[in-house]
């Protein structure tokens, strides 16, 4: 996910405004966005605490969830085309 001009974010070729996120927190795009922030936070934590196996496991679980959501999102986009 990348920050693009202003309050917009790019998620797998999908432009999302931050206001749109505030309205629709259950959307796949918002969930991917929130997983990305959790991943960044856990990754920075693990740089300091390399032997924290609980955090490593949590990071792997979040990575798997995010990957499944991205797969779903790409299949959903294919169907609409």
PDB file of N, CA and C in Angstrom:
ATOM      1  N   UNK A   1       0.854  -1.158   0.000  1.00  0.00           N
ATOM      2  CA  UNK A   1       0.000   0.000   0.000  1.00  0.00           C
ATOM      3  C   UNK A   1       0.899   1.219   0.000  1.00  0.00           C
ATOM      4  N   UNK A   2       0.623   2.153  -0.854  1.00  0.00           N
ATOM      5  CA  UNK A   2       1.422   3.352  -0.965  1.00  0.00           C
ATOM      6  C   UNK A   2       0.568   4.582  -0.760  1.00  0.00           C
ATOM      7  N   UNK A   3       1.186   5.609  -0.226  1.00  0.00           N
ATOM      8  CA  UNK A   3       0.498   6.880  -0.071  1.00  0.00           C
ATOM      9  C   UNK A   3       0.630   7.629  -1.392  1.00  0.00           C
ATOM     10  N   UNK A   4      -0.469   8.100  -1.915  1.00  0.00           N
ATOM     11  CA  UNK A   4      -0.500   8.848  -3.160  1.00  0.00           C
ATOM     12  C   UNK A   4      -1.096  10.202  -2.847  1.00  0.00           C
ATOM     13  N   UNK A   5      -0.631  11.252  -3.456  1.00  0.00           N
ATOM     14  CA  UNK A   5      -1.081  12.633  -3.276  1.00  0.00           C
ATOM     15  C   UNK A   5      -2.243  12.813  -2.304  1.00  0.00           C
ATOM     16  N   UNK A   6      -2.004  13.574  -1.259  1.00  0.00           N
ATOM     17  CA  UNK A   6      -3.077  13.903  -0.320  1.00  0.00           C
ATOM     18  C   UNK A   6      -3.463  12.753   0.573  1.00  0.00           C
ATOM     19  N   UNK A   7      -4.749  12.598   0.751  1.00  0.00           N
ATOM     20  CA  UNK A   7      -5.281  11.573   1.652  1.00  0.00           C
ATOM     21  C   UNK A   7      -5.757  10.346   0.892  1.00  0.00           C
ATOM     22  N   UNK A   8      -5.039   9.940  -0.135  1.00  0.00           N
ATOM     23  CA  UNK A   8      -5.419   8.772  -0.915  1.00  0.00           C
ATOM     24  C   UNK A   8      -4.369   7.689  -0.738  1.00  0.00           C
ATOM     25  N   UNK A   9      -4.797   6.436  -0.798  1.00  0.00           N
ATOM     26  CA  UNK A   9      -3.898   5.309  -0.667  1.00  0.00           C
ATOM     27  C   UNK A   9      -4.091   4.380  -1.851  1.00  0.00           C
ATOM     28  N   UNK A  10      -3.017   3.706  -2.234  1.00  0.00           N
ATOM     29  CA  UNK A  10      -3.058   2.783  -3.361  1.00  0.00           C
ATOM     30  C   UNK A  10      -2.990   1.372  -2.801  1.00  0.00           C
ATOM     31  N   UNK A  11      -4.017   0.568  -3.020  1.00  0.00           N
ATOM     32  CA  UNK A  11      -4.038  -0.818  -2.576  1.00  0.00           C
ATOM     33  C   UNK A  11      -4.264  -1.679  -3.794  1.00  0.00           C
ATOM     34  N   UNK A  12      -3.213  -2.362  -4.227  1.00  0.00           N
ATOM     35  CA  UNK A  12      -3.335  -3.312  -5.326  1.00  0.00           C
ATOM     36  C   UNK A  12      -4.125  -2.680  -6.483  1.00  0.00           C
ATOM     37  N   UNK A  13      -3.615  -1.556  -6.991  1.00  0.00           N
ATOM     38  CA  UNK A  13      -4.209  -0.827  -8.112  1.00  0.00           C
ATOM     39  C   UNK A  13      -5.604  -0.293  -7.827  1.00  0.00           C
ATOM     40  N   UNK A  14      -5.897  -0.025  -6.582  1.00  0.00           N
ATOM     41  CA  UNK A  14      -7.194   0.511  -6.199  1.00  0.00           C
ATOM     42  C   UNK A  14      -6.956   1.762  -5.368  1.00  0.00           C
ATOM     43  N   UNK A  15      -7.461   2.901  -5.837  1.00  0.00           N
ATOM     44  CA  UNK A  15      -7.258   4.167  -5.147  1.00  0.00           C
ATOM     45  C   UNK A  15      -8.372   4.362  -4.127  1.00  0.00           C
ATOM     46  N   UNK A  16      -7.998   4.623  -2.889  1.00  0.00           N
ATOM     47  CA  UNK A  16      -8.971   4.732  -1.808  1.00  0.00           C
ATOM     48  C   UNK A  16      -8.709   6.013  -1.045  1.00  0.00           C
ATOM     49  N   UNK A  17      -9.746   6.780  -0.789  1.00  0.00           N
ATOM     50  CA  UNK A  17      -9.565   7.986   0.011  1.00  0.00           C
ATOM     51  C   UNK A  17      -9.657   7.628   1.487  1.00  0.00           C
ATOM     52  N   UNK A  18      -9.020   8.448   2.311  1.00  0.00           N
ATOM     53  CA  UNK A  18      -9.041   8.172   3.741  1.00  0.00           C
ATOM     54  C   UNK A  18     -10.445   8.379   4.307  1.00  0.00           C
ATOM     55  N   UNK A  19     -11.204   9.327   3.753  1.00  0.00           N
ATOM     56  CA  UNK A  19     -12.571   9.533   4.208  1.00  0.00           C
ATOM     57  C   UNK A  19     -13.431   8.314   3.901  1.00  0.00           C
ATOM     58  N   UNK A  20     -13.180   7.694   2.768  1.00  0.00           N
ATOM     59  CA  UNK A  20     -13.919   6.487   2.397  1.00  0.00           C
ATOM     60  C   UNK A  20     -13.662   5.384   3.424  1.00  0.00           C
ATOM     61  N   UNK A  21     -12.414   5.299   3.922  1.00  0.00           N
ATOM     62  CA  UNK A  21     -12.086   4.316   4.950  1.00  0.00           C
ATOM     63  C   UNK A  21     -12.878   4.566   6.218  1.00  0.00           C
ATOM     64  N   UNK A  22     -13.008   5.823   6.592  1.00  0.00           N
ATOM     65  CA  UNK A  22     -13.706   6.139   7.834  1.00  0.00           C
ATOM     66  C   UNK A  22     -15.162   5.705   7.774  1.00  0.00           C
ATOM     67  N   UNK A  23     -15.769   5.779   6.592  1.00  0.00           N
ATOM     68  CA  UNK A  23     -17.161   5.379   6.447  1.00  0.00           C
ATOM     69  C   UNK A  23     -17.312   3.871   6.392  1.00  0.00           C
ATOM     70  N   UNK A  24     -16.398   3.208   5.725  1.00  0.00           N
ATOM     71  CA  UNK A  24     -16.564   1.793   5.408  1.00  0.00           C
ATOM     72  C   UNK A  24     -15.407   0.969   5.968  1.00  0.00           C
ATOM     73  N   UNK A  25     -15.400   0.766   7.279  1.00  0.00           N
ATOM     74  CA  UNK A  25     -14.298   0.051   7.914  1.00  0.00           C
ATOM     75  C   UNK A  25     -14.334  -1.458   7.668  1.00  0.00           C
ATOM     76  N   UNK A  26     -15.420  -1.973   7.152  1.00  0.00           N
ATOM     77  CA  UNK A  26     -15.510  -3.400   6.887  1.00  0.00           C
ATOM     78  C   UNK A  26     -15.072  -3.773   5.490  1.00  0.00           C
ATOM     79  N   UNK A  27     -14.708  -2.798   4.678  1.00  0.00           N
ATOM     80  CA  UNK A  27     -14.330  -3.097   3.297  1.00  0.00           C
ATOM     81  C   UNK A  27     -12.997  -3.840   3.260  1.00  0.00           C
ATOM     82  N   UNK A  28     -12.797  -4.586   2.198  1.00  0.00           N
ATOM     83  CA  UNK A  28     -11.564  -5.353   2.036  1.00  0.00           C
ATOM     84  C   UNK A  28     -10.369  -4.402   1.985  1.00  0.00           C
ATOM     85  N   UNK A  29     -10.528  -3.289   1.289  1.00  0.00           N
ATOM     86  CA  UNK A  29      -9.431  -2.333   1.156  1.00  0.00           C
ATOM     87  C   UNK A  29      -9.018  -1.778   2.518  1.00  0.00           C
ATOM     88  N   UNK A  30      -9.999  -1.462   3.349  1.00  0.00           N
ATOM     89  CA  UNK A  30      -9.666  -0.940   4.677  1.00  0.00           C
ATOM     90  C   UNK A  30      -8.975  -2.006   5.517  1.00  0.00           C
ATOM     91  N   UNK A  31      -9.437  -3.240   5.418  1.00  0.00           N
ATOM     92  CA  UNK A  31      -8.809  -4.311   6.193  1.00  0.00           C
ATOM     93  C   UNK A  31      -7.365  -4.503   5.774  1.00  0.00           C
ATOM     94  N   UNK A  32      -7.098  -4.442   4.456  1.00  0.00           N
ATOM     95  CA  UNK A  32      -5.720  -4.562   3.968  1.00  0.00           C
ATOM     96  C   UNK A  32      -4.886  -3.398   4.510  1.00  0.00           C
ATOM     97  N   UNK A  33      -5.475  -2.199   4.486  1.00  0.00           N
ATOM     98  CA  UNK A  33      -4.785  -1.017   4.997  1.00  0.00           C
ATOM     99  C   UNK A  33      -4.438  -1.190   6.476  1.00  0.00           C
ATOM    100  N   UNK A  34      -5.384  -1.666   7.273  1.00  0.00           N
ATOM    101  CA  UNK A  34      -5.120  -1.828   8.704  1.00  0.00           C
ATOM    102  C   UNK A  34      -4.109  -2.947   8.956  1.00  0.00           C
ATOM    103  N   UNK A  35      -4.142  -4.017   8.151  1.00  0.00           N
ATOM    104  CA  UNK A  35      -3.140  -5.075   8.295  1.00  0.00           C
ATOM    105  C   UNK A  35      -1.753  -4.537   7.965  1.00  0.00           C
ATOM    106  N   UNK A  36      -1.650  -3.663   6.962  1.00  0.00           N
ATOM    107  CA  UNK A  36      -0.351  -3.093   6.609  1.00  0.00           C
ATOM    108  C   UNK A  36       0.231  -2.277   7.754  1.00  0.00           C
ATOM    109  N   UNK A  37      -0.606  -1.517   8.433  1.00  0.00           N
ATOM    110  CA  UNK A  37      -0.093  -0.734   9.563  1.00  0.00           C
ATOM    111  C   UNK A  37       0.340  -1.660  10.697  1.00  0.00           C
ATOM    112  N   UNK A  38      -0.421  -2.731  10.940  1.00  0.00           N
ATOM    113  CA  UNK A  38      -0.028  -3.698  11.975  1.00  0.00           C
ATOM    114  C   UNK A  38       1.279  -4.383  11.604  1.00  0.00           C
ATOM    115  N   UNK A  39       1.454  -4.708  10.322  1.00  0.00           N
ATOM    116  CA  UNK A  39       2.671  -5.376   9.861  1.00  0.00           C
ATOM    117  C   UNK A  39       3.878  -4.473  10.061  1.00  0.00           C
ATOM    118  N   UNK A  40       3.736  -3.198   9.707  1.00  0.00           N
ATOM    119  CA  UNK A  40       4.839  -2.251   9.900  1.00  0.00           C
ATOM    120  C   UNK A  40       5.209  -2.136  11.382  1.00  0.00           C
ATOM    121  N   UNK A  41       4.190  -2.061  12.233  1.00  0.00           N
ATOM    122  CA  UNK A  41       4.441  -1.924  13.666  1.00  0.00           C
ATOM    123  C   UNK A  41       5.130  -3.174  14.226  1.00  0.00           C
ATOM    124  N   UNK A  42       4.652  -4.348  13.828  1.00  0.00           N
ATOM    125  CA  UNK A  42       5.267  -5.586  14.311  1.00  0.00           C
ATOM    126  C   UNK A  42       6.683  -5.765  13.769  1.00  0.00           C
ATOM    127  N   UNK A  43       6.900  -5.381  12.521  1.00  0.00           N
ATOM    128  CA  UNK A  43       8.236  -5.507  11.934  1.00  0.00           C
ATOM    129  C   UNK A  43       9.239  -4.628  12.677  1.00  0.00           C
ATOM    130  N   UNK A  44       8.837  -3.417  13.010  1.00  0.00           N
ATOM    131  CA  UNK A  44       9.754  -2.551  13.757  1.00  0.00           C
ATOM    132  C   UNK A  44       9.986  -3.097  15.171  1.00  0.00           C
ATOM    133  N   UNK A  45       8.968  -3.697  15.773  1.00  0.00           N
ATOM    134  CA  UNK A  45       9.122  -4.318  17.090  1.00  0.00           C
ATOM    135  C   UNK A  45      10.108  -5.488  17.010  1.00  0.00           C
ATOM    136  N   UNK A  46       9.988  -6.286  15.954  1.00  0.00           N
ATOM    137  CA  UNK A  46      10.852  -7.467  15.831  1.00  0.00           C
ATOM    138  C   UNK A  46      12.297  -7.109  15.508  1.00  0.00           C
ATOM    139  N   UNK A  47      12.527  -5.905  14.966  1.00  0.00           N
ATOM    140  CA  UNK A  47      13.913  -5.486  14.756  1.00  0.00           C
ATOM    141  C   UNK A  47      14.626  -5.329  16.095  1.00  0.00           C
ATOM    142  N   UNK A  48      13.897  -4.889  17.105  1.00  0.00           N
ATOM    143  CA  UNK A  48      14.484  -4.710  18.433  1.00  0.00           C
ATOM    144  C   UNK A  48      14.481  -6.000  19.248  1.00  0.00           C
ATOM    145  N   UNK A  49      13.442  -6.812  19.079  1.00  0.00           N
ATOM    146  CA  UNK A  49      13.257  -8.027  19.872  1.00  0.00           C
ATOM    147  C   UNK A  49      13.209  -9.241  18.939  1.00  0.00           C
ATOM    148  N   UNK A  50      14.382  -9.650  18.486  1.00  0.00           N
ATOM    149  CA  UNK A  50      14.472 -10.707  17.472  1.00  0.00           C
ATOM    150  C   UNK A  50      13.972 -12.069  17.955  1.00  0.00           C
ATOM    151  N   UNK A  51      14.032 -12.334  19.239  1.00  0.00           N
ATOM    152  CA  UNK A  51      13.658 -13.653  19.765  1.00  0.00           C
ATOM    153  C   UNK A  51      12.229 -13.706  20.291  1.00  0.00           C
ATOM    154  N   UNK A  52      11.431 -12.714  19.984  1.00  0.00           N
ATOM    155  CA  UNK A  52      10.042 -12.673  20.436  1.00  0.00           C
ATOM    156  C   UNK A  52       9.203 -13.561  19.515  1.00  0.00           C
ATOM    157  N   UNK A  53       9.080 -14.818  19.885  1.00  0.00           N
ATOM    158  CA  UNK A  53       8.409 -15.787  19.009  1.00  0.00           C
ATOM    159  C   UNK A  53       6.904 -15.540  18.922  1.00  0.00           C
ATOM    160  N   UNK A  54       6.307 -14.989  19.963  1.00  0.00           N
ATOM    161  CA  UNK A  54       4.872 -14.704  19.922  1.00  0.00           C
ATOM    162  C   UNK A  54       4.563 -13.639  18.879  1.00  0.00           C
ATOM    163  N   UNK A  55       5.394 -12.620  18.830  1.00  0.00           N
ATOM    164  CA  UNK A  55       5.193 -11.563  17.830  1.00  0.00           C
ATOM    165  C   UNK A  55       5.477 -12.081  16.427  1.00  0.00           C
ATOM    166  N   UNK A  56       6.460 -12.958  16.293  1.00  0.00           N
ATOM    167  CA  UNK A  56       6.755 -13.544  14.984  1.00  0.00           C
ATOM    168  C   UNK A  56       5.560 -14.346  14.475  1.00  0.00           C
ATOM    169  N   UNK A  57       4.960 -15.104  15.376  1.00  0.00           N
ATOM    170  CA  UNK A  57       3.784 -15.893  14.995  1.00  0.00           C
ATOM    171  C   UNK A  57       2.627 -14.983  14.604  1.00  0.00           C
ATOM    172  N   UNK A  58       2.410 -13.935  15.380  1.00  0.00           N
ATOM    173  CA  UNK A  58       1.360 -12.977  15.064  1.00  0.00           C
ATOM    174  C   UNK A  58       1.584 -12.312  13.724  1.00  0.00           C
ATOM    175  N   UNK A  59       2.845 -11.975  13.432  1.00  0.00           N
ATOM    176  CA  UNK A  59       3.168 -11.362  12.147  1.00  0.00           C
ATOM    177  C   UNK A  59       2.872 -12.322  10.996  1.00  0.00           C
ATOM    178  N   UNK A  60       3.231 -13.589  11.164  1.00  0.00           N
ATOM    179  CA  UNK A  60       2.951 -14.573  10.107  1.00  0.00           C
ATOM    180  C   UNK A  60       1.452 -14.736   9.884  1.00  0.00           C
ATOM    181  N   UNK A  61       0.672 -14.721  10.965  1.00  0.00           N
ATOM    182  CA  UNK A  61      -0.782 -14.848  10.835  1.00  0.00           C
ATOM    183  C   UNK A  61      -1.363 -13.649  10.089  1.00  0.00           C
ATOM    184  N   UNK A  62      -0.911 -12.449  10.430  1.00  0.00           N
ATOM    185  CA  UNK A  62      -1.418 -11.246   9.763  1.00  0.00           C
ATOM    186  C   UNK A  62      -1.004 -11.232   8.302  1.00  0.00           C
ATOM    187  N   UNK A  63       0.219 -11.666   8.010  1.00  0.00           N
ATOM    188  CA  UNK A  63       0.667 -11.734   6.611  1.00  0.00           C
ATOM    189  C   UNK A  63      -0.213 -12.688   5.804  1.00  0.00           C
ATOM    190  N   UNK A  64      -0.573 -13.822   6.401  1.00  0.00           N
ATOM    191  CA  UNK A  64      -1.447 -14.781   5.721  1.00  0.00           C
ATOM    192  C   UNK A  64      -2.833 -14.217   5.481  1.00  0.00           C
ATOM    193  N   UNK A  65      -3.381 -13.528   6.483  1.00  0.00           N
ATOM    194  CA  UNK A  65      -4.705 -12.925   6.321  1.00  0.00           C
ATOM    195  C   UNK A  65      -4.688 -11.867   5.230  1.00  0.00           C
ATOM    196  N   UNK A  66      -3.631 -11.039   5.243  1.00  0.00           N
ATOM    197  CA  UNK A  66      -3.542  -9.989   4.226  1.00  0.00           C
ATOM    198  C   UNK A  66      -3.419 -10.597   2.828  1.00  0.00           C
ATOM    199  N   UNK A  67      -2.641 -11.656   2.698  1.00  0.00           N
ATOM    200  CA  UNK A  67      -2.481 -12.296   1.399  1.00  0.00           C
ATOM    201  C   UNK A  67      -3.801 -12.871   0.899  1.00  0.00           C
ATOM    202  N   UNK A  68      -4.574 -13.496   1.788  1.00  0.00           N
ATOM    203  CA  UNK A  68      -5.872 -14.032   1.385  1.00  0.00           C
ATOM    204  C   UNK A  68      -6.816 -12.916   0.944  1.00  0.00           C
ATOM    205  N   UNK A  69      -6.792 -11.781   1.655  1.00  0.00           N
ATOM    206  CA  UNK A  69      -7.639 -10.657   1.263  1.00  0.00           C
ATOM    207  C   UNK A  69      -7.207 -10.080  -0.090  1.00  0.00           C
ATOM    208  N   UNK A  70      -5.889  -9.997  -0.324  1.00  0.00           N
ATOM    209  CA  UNK A  70      -5.410  -9.482  -1.609  1.00  0.00           C
ATOM    210  C   UNK A  70      -5.783 -10.428  -2.750  1.00  0.00           C
ATOM    211  N   UNK A  71      -5.729 -11.739  -2.496  1.00  0.00           N
ATOM    212  CA  UNK A  71      -6.155 -12.708  -3.510  1.00  0.00           C
ATOM    213  C   UNK A  71      -7.637 -12.535  -3.819  1.00  0.00           C
ATOM    214  N   UNK A  72      -8.430 -12.385  -2.768  1.00  0.00           N
ATOM    215  CA  UNK A  72      -9.870 -12.180  -2.939  1.00  0.00           C
ATOM    216  C   UNK A  72     -10.129 -10.901  -3.724  1.00  0.00           C
ATOM    217  N   UNK A  73      -9.405  -9.856  -3.394  1.00  0.00           N
ATOM    218  CA  UNK A  73      -9.588  -8.570  -4.066  1.00  0.00           C
ATOM    219  C   UNK A  73      -9.227  -8.656  -5.543  1.00  0.00           C
ATOM    220  N   UNK A  74      -8.152  -9.380  -5.859  1.00  0.00           N
ATOM    221  CA  UNK A  74      -7.768  -9.512  -7.269  1.00  0.00           C
ATOM    222  C   UNK A  74      -8.798 -10.348  -8.043  1.00  0.00           C
ATOM    223  N   UNK A  75      -9.347 -11.401  -7.422  1.00  0.00           N
ATOM    224  CA  UNK A  75     -10.381 -12.208  -8.085  1.00  0.00           C
ATOM    225  C   UNK A  75     -11.637 -11.395  -8.289  1.00  0.00           C
ATOM    226  N   UNK A  76     -11.976 -10.564  -7.297  1.00  0.00           N
ATOM    227  CA  UNK A  76     -13.150  -9.716  -7.381  1.00  0.00           C
ATOM    228  C   UNK A  76     -13.015  -8.705  -8.521  1.00  0.00           C
ATOM    229  N   UNK A  77     -11.810  -8.153  -8.672  1.00  0.00           N
ATOM    230  CA  UNK A  77     -11.547  -7.190  -9.750  1.00  0.00           C
ATOM    231  C   UNK A  77     -11.652  -7.872 -11.122  1.00  0.00           C
ATOM    232  N   UNK A  78     -11.167  -9.119 -11.220  1.00  0.00           N
ATOM    233  CA  UNK A  78     -11.250  -9.862 -12.494  1.00  0.00           C
ATOM    234  C   UNK A  78     -12.699 -10.087 -12.901  1.00  0.00           C
ATOM    235  N   UNK A  79     -13.556 -10.405 -11.915  1.00  0.00           N
ATOM    236  CA  UNK A  79     -14.956 -10.660 -12.219  1.00  0.00           C
ATOM    237  C   UNK A  79     -15.660  -9.418 -12.740  1.00  0.00           C
ATOM    238  N   UNK A  80     -15.288  -8.243 -12.231  1.00  0.00           N
ATOM    239  CA  UNK A  80     -15.962  -7.017 -12.650  1.00  0.00           C
ATOM    240  C   UNK A  80     -15.514  -6.583 -14.035  1.00  0.00           C
ATOM    241  N   UNK A  81     -14.340  -7.029 -14.473  1.00  0.00           N
ATOM    242  CA  UNK A  81     -13.863  -6.654 -15.810  1.00  0.00           C
ATOM    243  C   UNK A  81     -14.512  -7.546 -16.803  1.00  0.00           C
TER     244      UNK A  81
END
